Amino acid sequence: MCRWLAYSGTPLLLDTILYKPVHSLIDQSLHSRLGVVTTNGDGFGVGWYAPENTDTPALLRDVGPAWSNRNLREIADHVTSPLFFAHIRASSGTTVQQSNCHPFRHGRWMFMHNGAIAGFHLMRRDLTLLVDPALYADIGGTTDSETMFYLALTFGLEQDPPAAVARMAGTVERVGREHGVRYPLQMTLAVTDGARVWAFRYSSQGDSGSLFYSSRVETLRRLHPDVAFLRDVSDQTRLIVSEPLGDLPGAWHEVPESSYGIVEPGGDDMRSFTPEPV
């Protein structure tokens, strides 16, 4: 399994979120508290949108562990972004290679995932054959996660992300059960178009991996007026994380089971999530 975070809000140096918090994502790569495994060292990735160019996100991905990567440390001190994804990988069985590291990108869209398709080796052929032929050639790796991304794109991610992810999840469950897999899907995932972020928590068994979202900034300012970071970011700033980045009281809330949240300019919302088989 893996750990990830999504940031949206006031442009910040990546270092501010990736390295500085007490239980930062870099710390989680060695000392995860809520993941299936403690160490997440099978690669990492960061994807970000430059403030002056939100059309195509930049990606840095590598097969080594995040905690010792000098290139990641270098860019974190120099890259500023209003929206970025970061992911540390613990492989669930597929090869440790760069093309299998998250986030995945298609045009202006990014996608990252923690979890697994149970029995993916049994159903991989059936699932990939459902991907739109016009998209199939863009699949670069061998993971269940990237297959999920391209299925969602096939089912209309660029037009209606929640509906597309629901169709993807429902299809994975349908195909999995056709192969005798009782609980096919486990997922916390995030997807963005560079302006909005959608984050989903769902599993076939009703026991999903951990996922949290940050409190509203104005609430945190009232609770913690001495925290300098909170004075420098907008009220719309939000973090979604696999596990909290620190122990600041009132800062984190668990995403409910079978739910998804939307972070967008002007506000955010939490809604229920139900797969829809195709």
Protein backbone atom coordinates (compact mmCIF):
# COMPACT_ATOMS: atom_id res chain seq x y z
CA MET A 1 0.00 0.00 0.00
CA CYS A 2 1.01 3.66 -0.20
CA ARG A 3 0.71 7.12 1.36
CA TRP A 4 -0.22 10.33 -0.45
CA LEU A 5 -1.23 13.95 -0.07
CA ALA A 6 -2.99 16.55 -2.19
CA TYR A 7 -2.53 20.28 -1.59
CA SER A 8 -4.67 23.11 -2.99
CA GLY A 9 -4.49 26.76 -2.02
CA THR A 10 -2.01 29.60 -1.63
CA PRO A 11 1.12 28.89 -3.72
CA LEU A 12 3.77 27.34 -1.47
CA LEU A 13 7.22 25.86 -1.76
CA LEU A 14 6.84 22.09 -1.91
CA ASP A 15 9.25 21.88 1.03
CA THR A 16 6.63 23.52 3.27
CA ILE A 17 4.36 20.49 3.03
CA LEU A 18 6.65 17.64 1.98
CA TYR A 19 9.44 18.06 4.54
CA LYS A 20 8.63 20.54 7.30
CA PRO A 21 5.63 19.01 9.13
CA VAL A 22 6.42 16.77 12.11
CA HIS A 23 4.88 13.74 10.39
CA SER A 24 5.51 14.86 6.82
CA LEU A 25 5.07 12.58 3.84
CA ILE A 26 8.85 12.10 3.84
CA ASP A 27 8.66 10.96 7.47
CA GLN A 28 5.78 8.66 6.54
CA SER A 29 7.95 7.00 3.91
CA LEU A 30 9.92 5.54 6.84
CA HIS A 31 7.47 5.72 9.74
CA SER A 32 3.88 5.36 8.55
CA ARG A 33 1.47 5.07 11.48
CA LEU A 34 -1.76 4.13 9.71
CA GLY A 35 -0.63 2.27 6.59
CA VAL A 36 -0.57 -1.48 6.01
CA VAL A 37 3.24 -1.30 6.16
CA THR A 38 5.51 1.07 8.06
CA THR A 39 7.97 1.70 5.24
CA ASN A 40 6.94 3.04 1.82
CA GLY A 41 10.15 2.85 -0.19
CA ASP A 42 9.19 1.43 -3.59
CA GLY A 43 9.34 4.75 -5.39
CA PHE A 44 7.73 8.17 -5.13
CA GLY A 45 6.27 10.89 -7.27
CA VAL A 46 5.37 14.56 -7.15
CA GLY A 47 3.14 16.30 -9.67
CA TRP A 48 2.53 20.05 -9.65
CA TYR A 49 1.02 22.90 -11.60
CA ALA A 50 3.07 26.06 -12.06
CA PRO A 51 1.15 29.24 -11.12
CA GLU A 52 1.73 30.60 -14.63
CA ASN A 53 0.84 27.31 -16.42
CA THR A 54 -2.06 25.17 -15.21
CA ASP A 55 -2.54 23.40 -18.55
CA THR A 56 -0.07 20.57 -17.98
CA PRO A 57 1.30 19.37 -14.64
CA ALA A 58 5.00 18.63 -14.23
CA LEU A 59 6.03 15.24 -12.84
CA LEU A 60 9.06 13.98 -10.93
CA ARG A 61 8.97 10.22 -10.32
CA ASP A 62 11.67 7.77 -9.29
CA VAL A 63 11.99 4.17 -8.14
CA GLY A 64 14.10 4.93 -5.07
CA PRO A 65 12.79 5.91 -1.64
CA ALA A 66 11.66 9.48 -1.10
CA TRP A 67 13.64 9.92 2.12
CA SER A 68 17.04 9.85 0.37
CA ASN A 69 16.31 11.35 -3.04
CA ARG A 70 18.49 14.40 -3.64
CA ASN A 71 16.54 15.56 -6.69
CA LEU A 72 13.31 15.66 -4.68
CA ARG A 73 15.05 17.58 -1.90
CA GLU A 74 16.44 20.01 -4.49
CA ILE A 75 13.15 20.83 -6.25
CA ALA A 76 11.25 21.04 -2.95
CA ASP A 77 13.38 24.04 -2.01
CA HIS A 78 12.77 25.82 -5.34
CA VAL A 79 9.36 24.87 -6.78
CA THR A 80 6.26 26.83 -5.75
CA SER A 81 2.78 25.60 -6.65
CA PRO A 82 -0.86 26.30 -5.77
CA LEU A 83 -1.83 22.65 -6.39
CA PHE A 84 0.30 19.55 -6.12
CA PHE A 85 0.10 15.81 -5.52
CA ALA A 86 2.75 13.74 -3.75
CA HIS A 87 2.85 9.96 -3.40
CA ILE A 88 5.12 7.40 -1.75
CA ARG A 89 4.76 3.83 -2.95
CA ALA A 90 4.72 0.44 -1.29
CA SER A 91 4.17 -2.00 -4.13
CA SER A 92 1.29 -4.45 -3.82
CA GLY A 93 2.94 -6.83 -6.26
CA THR A 94 3.68 -5.01 -9.51
CA THR A 95 7.21 -4.17 -10.60
CA VAL A 96 9.17 -1.35 -8.98
CA GLN A 97 9.82 0.83 -12.02
CA GLN A 98 9.44 4.51 -12.84
CA SER A 99 6.36 4.06 -15.03
CA ASN A 100 4.58 2.43 -12.07
CA CYS A 101 5.15 5.39 -9.74
CA HIS A 102 2.29 7.81 -9.03
CA PRO A 103 0.93 10.34 -9.85
CA PHE A 104 -0.18 9.38 -13.33
CA ARG A 105 -0.85 12.11 -15.90
CA HIS A 106 -3.04 12.45 -18.95
CA GLY A 107 -3.21 15.91 -20.50
CA ARG A 108 -4.07 18.33 -17.70
CA TRP A 109 -5.29 15.53 -15.40
CA MET A 110 -3.44 13.80 -12.56
CA PHE A 111 -4.42 10.70 -10.59
CA MET A 112 -2.97 8.85 -7.60
CA HIS A 113 -4.16 5.90 -5.54
CA ASN A 114 -3.60 3.93 -2.37
CA GLY A 115 -5.08 0.45 -2.21
CA ALA A 116 -5.34 -2.45 -4.63
CA ILE A 117 -7.51 -4.44 -6.97
CA ALA A 118 -7.56 -7.86 -5.32
CA GLY A 119 -6.82 -10.56 -7.87
CA PHE A 120 -5.63 -8.01 -10.43
CA HIS A 121 -3.51 -10.68 -12.13
CA LEU A 122 -6.71 -12.62 -12.84
CA MET A 123 -8.66 -9.75 -14.35
CA ARG A 124 -5.99 -7.47 -15.80
CA ARG A 125 -6.68 -8.54 -19.38
CA ASP A 126 -10.45 -8.10 -19.05
CA LEU A 127 -10.07 -4.66 -17.47
CA THR A 128 -7.52 -3.31 -19.93
CA LEU A 129 -9.66 -4.43 -22.86
CA LEU A 130 -12.37 -2.09 -21.53
CA VAL A 131 -10.06 0.94 -21.91
CA ASP A 132 -10.89 3.17 -24.88
CA PRO A 133 -8.57 2.13 -27.76
CA ALA A 134 -7.72 5.81 -28.27
CA LEU A 135 -6.31 5.88 -24.72
CA TYR A 136 -4.79 2.42 -24.48
CA ALA A 137 -1.44 3.31 -26.05
CA ASP A 138 -0.86 5.95 -23.34
CA ILE A 139 -0.74 3.37 -20.53
CA GLY A 140 2.93 3.31 -19.55
CA GLY A 141 3.10 0.87 -16.64
CA THR A 142 1.65 -2.33 -15.25
CA THR A 143 -0.18 -1.26 -12.10
CA ASP A 144 -3.80 -1.74 -11.15
CA SER A 145 -3.80 1.98 -10.23
CA GLU A 146 -2.98 3.19 -13.74
CA THR A 147 -5.56 0.81 -15.18
CA MET A 148 -8.12 2.39 -12.83
CA PHE A 149 -7.13 5.84 -14.10
CA TYR A 150 -7.56 4.91 -17.74
CA LEU A 151 -10.85 3.17 -17.08
CA ALA A 152 -12.08 6.37 -15.39
CA LEU A 153 -10.90 8.38 -18.40
CA THR A 154 -12.76 5.93 -20.66
CA PHE A 155 -15.93 6.39 -18.60
CA GLY A 156 -15.89 10.20 -18.86
CA LEU A 157 -13.50 11.50 -16.19
CA GLU A 158 -12.92 14.75 -18.09
CA GLN A 159 -16.66 15.49 -18.16
CA ASP A 160 -17.90 14.19 -14.78
CA PRO A 161 -15.20 12.86 -12.42
CA PRO A 162 -17.48 11.44 -9.67
CA ALA A 163 -19.64 9.57 -12.18
CA ALA A 164 -16.58 8.27 -14.05
CA VAL A 165 -14.91 7.01 -10.86
CA ALA A 166 -18.20 5.38 -9.81
CA ARG A 167 -18.37 3.57 -13.17
CA MET A 168 -14.73 2.52 -12.86
CA ALA A 169 -15.23 1.17 -9.32
CA GLY A 170 -18.43 -0.62 -10.27
CA THR A 171 -16.78 -2.20 -13.29
CA VAL A 172 -13.79 -3.40 -11.25
CA GLU A 173 -16.18 -4.99 -8.76
CA ARG A 174 -18.25 -6.61 -11.49
CA VAL A 175 -15.24 -8.08 -13.30
CA GLY A 176 -13.66 -9.13 -10.03
CA ARG A 177 -16.70 -11.06 -8.90
CA GLU A 178 -16.91 -12.71 -12.32
CA HIS A 179 -13.45 -14.06 -11.47
CA GLY A 180 -14.51 -15.23 -8.03
CA VAL A 181 -13.01 -12.32 -6.06
CA ARG A 182 -15.36 -11.51 -3.17
CA TYR A 183 -13.95 -8.06 -2.30
CA PRO A 184 -12.25 -6.76 -5.45
CA LEU A 185 -11.56 -3.11 -4.66
CA GLN A 186 -9.75 -1.10 -2.00
CA MET A 187 -9.11 2.57 -2.77
CA THR A 188 -8.39 6.01 -1.55
CA LEU A 189 -7.66 8.10 -4.61
CA ALA A 190 -7.35 11.68 -5.76
CA VAL A 191 -7.81 13.21 -9.18
CA THR A 192 -7.40 16.80 -10.35
CA ASP A 193 -7.75 18.92 -13.48
CA GLY A 194 -5.47 21.63 -12.11
CA ALA A 195 -8.32 23.72 -10.69
CA ARG A 196 -10.35 21.26 -8.60
CA VAL A 197 -9.48 18.16 -6.57
CA TRP A 198 -11.72 15.16 -6.05
CA ALA A 199 -10.78 12.62 -3.36
CA PHE A 200 -12.52 9.26 -2.86
CA ARG A 201 -12.56 6.67 -0.07
CA TYR A 202 -14.18 3.31 -0.81
CA SER A 203 -13.66 -0.43 -0.52
CA SER A 204 -15.79 -3.43 -1.47
CA GLN A 205 -15.49 -4.71 2.09
CA GLY A 206 -16.38 -1.38 3.72
CA ASP A 207 -12.99 -1.17 5.40
CA SER A 208 -11.02 1.39 3.40
CA GLY A 209 -7.54 2.74 4.01
CA SER A 210 -7.20 5.91 6.05
CA LEU A 211 -7.93 9.33 4.54
CA PHE A 212 -8.19 12.76 6.19
CA TYR A 213 -8.90 16.35 5.20
CA SER A 214 -7.76 19.53 6.91
CA SER A 215 -10.06 21.87 8.82
CA ARG A 216 -11.01 25.22 7.39
CA VAL A 217 -8.18 27.70 7.77
CA GLU A 218 -10.34 30.30 9.53
CA THR A 219 -11.24 27.67 12.17
CA LEU A 220 -7.60 26.76 12.69
CA ARG A 221 -6.63 30.42 13.05
CA ARG A 222 -9.12 30.78 15.91
CA LEU A 223 -7.85 27.60 17.57
CA HIS A 224 -4.16 28.31 17.02
CA PRO A 225 -3.50 32.05 16.57
CA ASP A 226 0.21 31.52 17.28
CA VAL A 227 0.85 29.25 14.26
CA ALA A 228 2.59 31.45 11.68
CA PHE A 229 1.84 29.16 8.73
CA LEU A 230 -1.89 29.78 9.12
CA ARG A 231 -1.45 33.55 8.77
CA ASP A 232 0.13 33.18 5.34
CA VAL A 233 -2.42 31.01 3.52
CA SER A 234 -5.86 31.74 2.13
CA ASP A 235 -9.12 30.55 3.65
CA GLN A 236 -9.52 28.21 0.66
CA THR A 237 -6.28 26.32 1.38
CA ARG A 238 -6.88 22.59 1.89
CA LEU A 239 -4.92 19.37 2.40
CA ILE A 240 -6.12 15.82 1.85
CA VAL A 241 -3.78 13.17 3.27
CA SER A 242 -3.51 9.45 3.88
CA GLU A 243 -2.55 10.26 7.45
CA PRO A 244 -2.27 13.51 9.40
CA LEU A 245 0.96 15.50 9.03
CA GLY A 246 1.03 16.40 12.73
CA ASP A 247 -0.90 16.44 15.98
CA LEU A 248 -2.29 19.98 15.93
CA PRO A 249 -5.64 19.73 17.79
CA GLY A 250 -8.66 20.26 15.56
CA ALA A 251 -6.64 20.18 12.34
CA TRP A 252 -7.77 16.89 10.80
CA HIS A 253 -11.03 15.07 10.07
CA GLU A 254 -11.45 11.55 8.74
CA VAL A 255 -13.15 11.20 5.36
CA PRO A 256 -16.21 8.96 5.95
CA GLU A 257 -16.33 5.50 4.44
CA SER A 258 -17.88 5.39 0.93
CA SER A 259 -17.54 9.15 0.41
CA TYR A 260 -15.84 11.64 -1.84
CA GLY A 261 -14.92 15.26 -1.38
CA ILE A 262 -14.51 18.13 -3.81
CA VAL A 263 -12.08 21.00 -3.24
CA GLU A 264 -12.66 23.87 -5.64
CA PRO A 265 -12.46 27.67 -5.76
CA GLY A 266 -15.12 29.15 -3.53
CA GLY A 267 -15.68 26.14 -1.32
CA ASP A 268 -15.71 22.40 -0.87
CA ASP A 269 -18.22 19.62 -0.34
CA MET A 270 -18.48 16.03 0.93
CA ARG A 271 -20.84 13.53 -0.71
CA SER A 272 -21.63 9.82 -0.56
CA PHE A 273 -20.05 7.47 -3.08
CA THR A 274 -21.67 4.42 -4.67
CA PRO A 275 -20.11 2.35 -7.49
CA GLU A 276 -22.12 2.02 -10.70
CA PRO A 277 -21.27 -1.08 -12.80
CA VAL A 278 -21.04 -0.62 -16.56
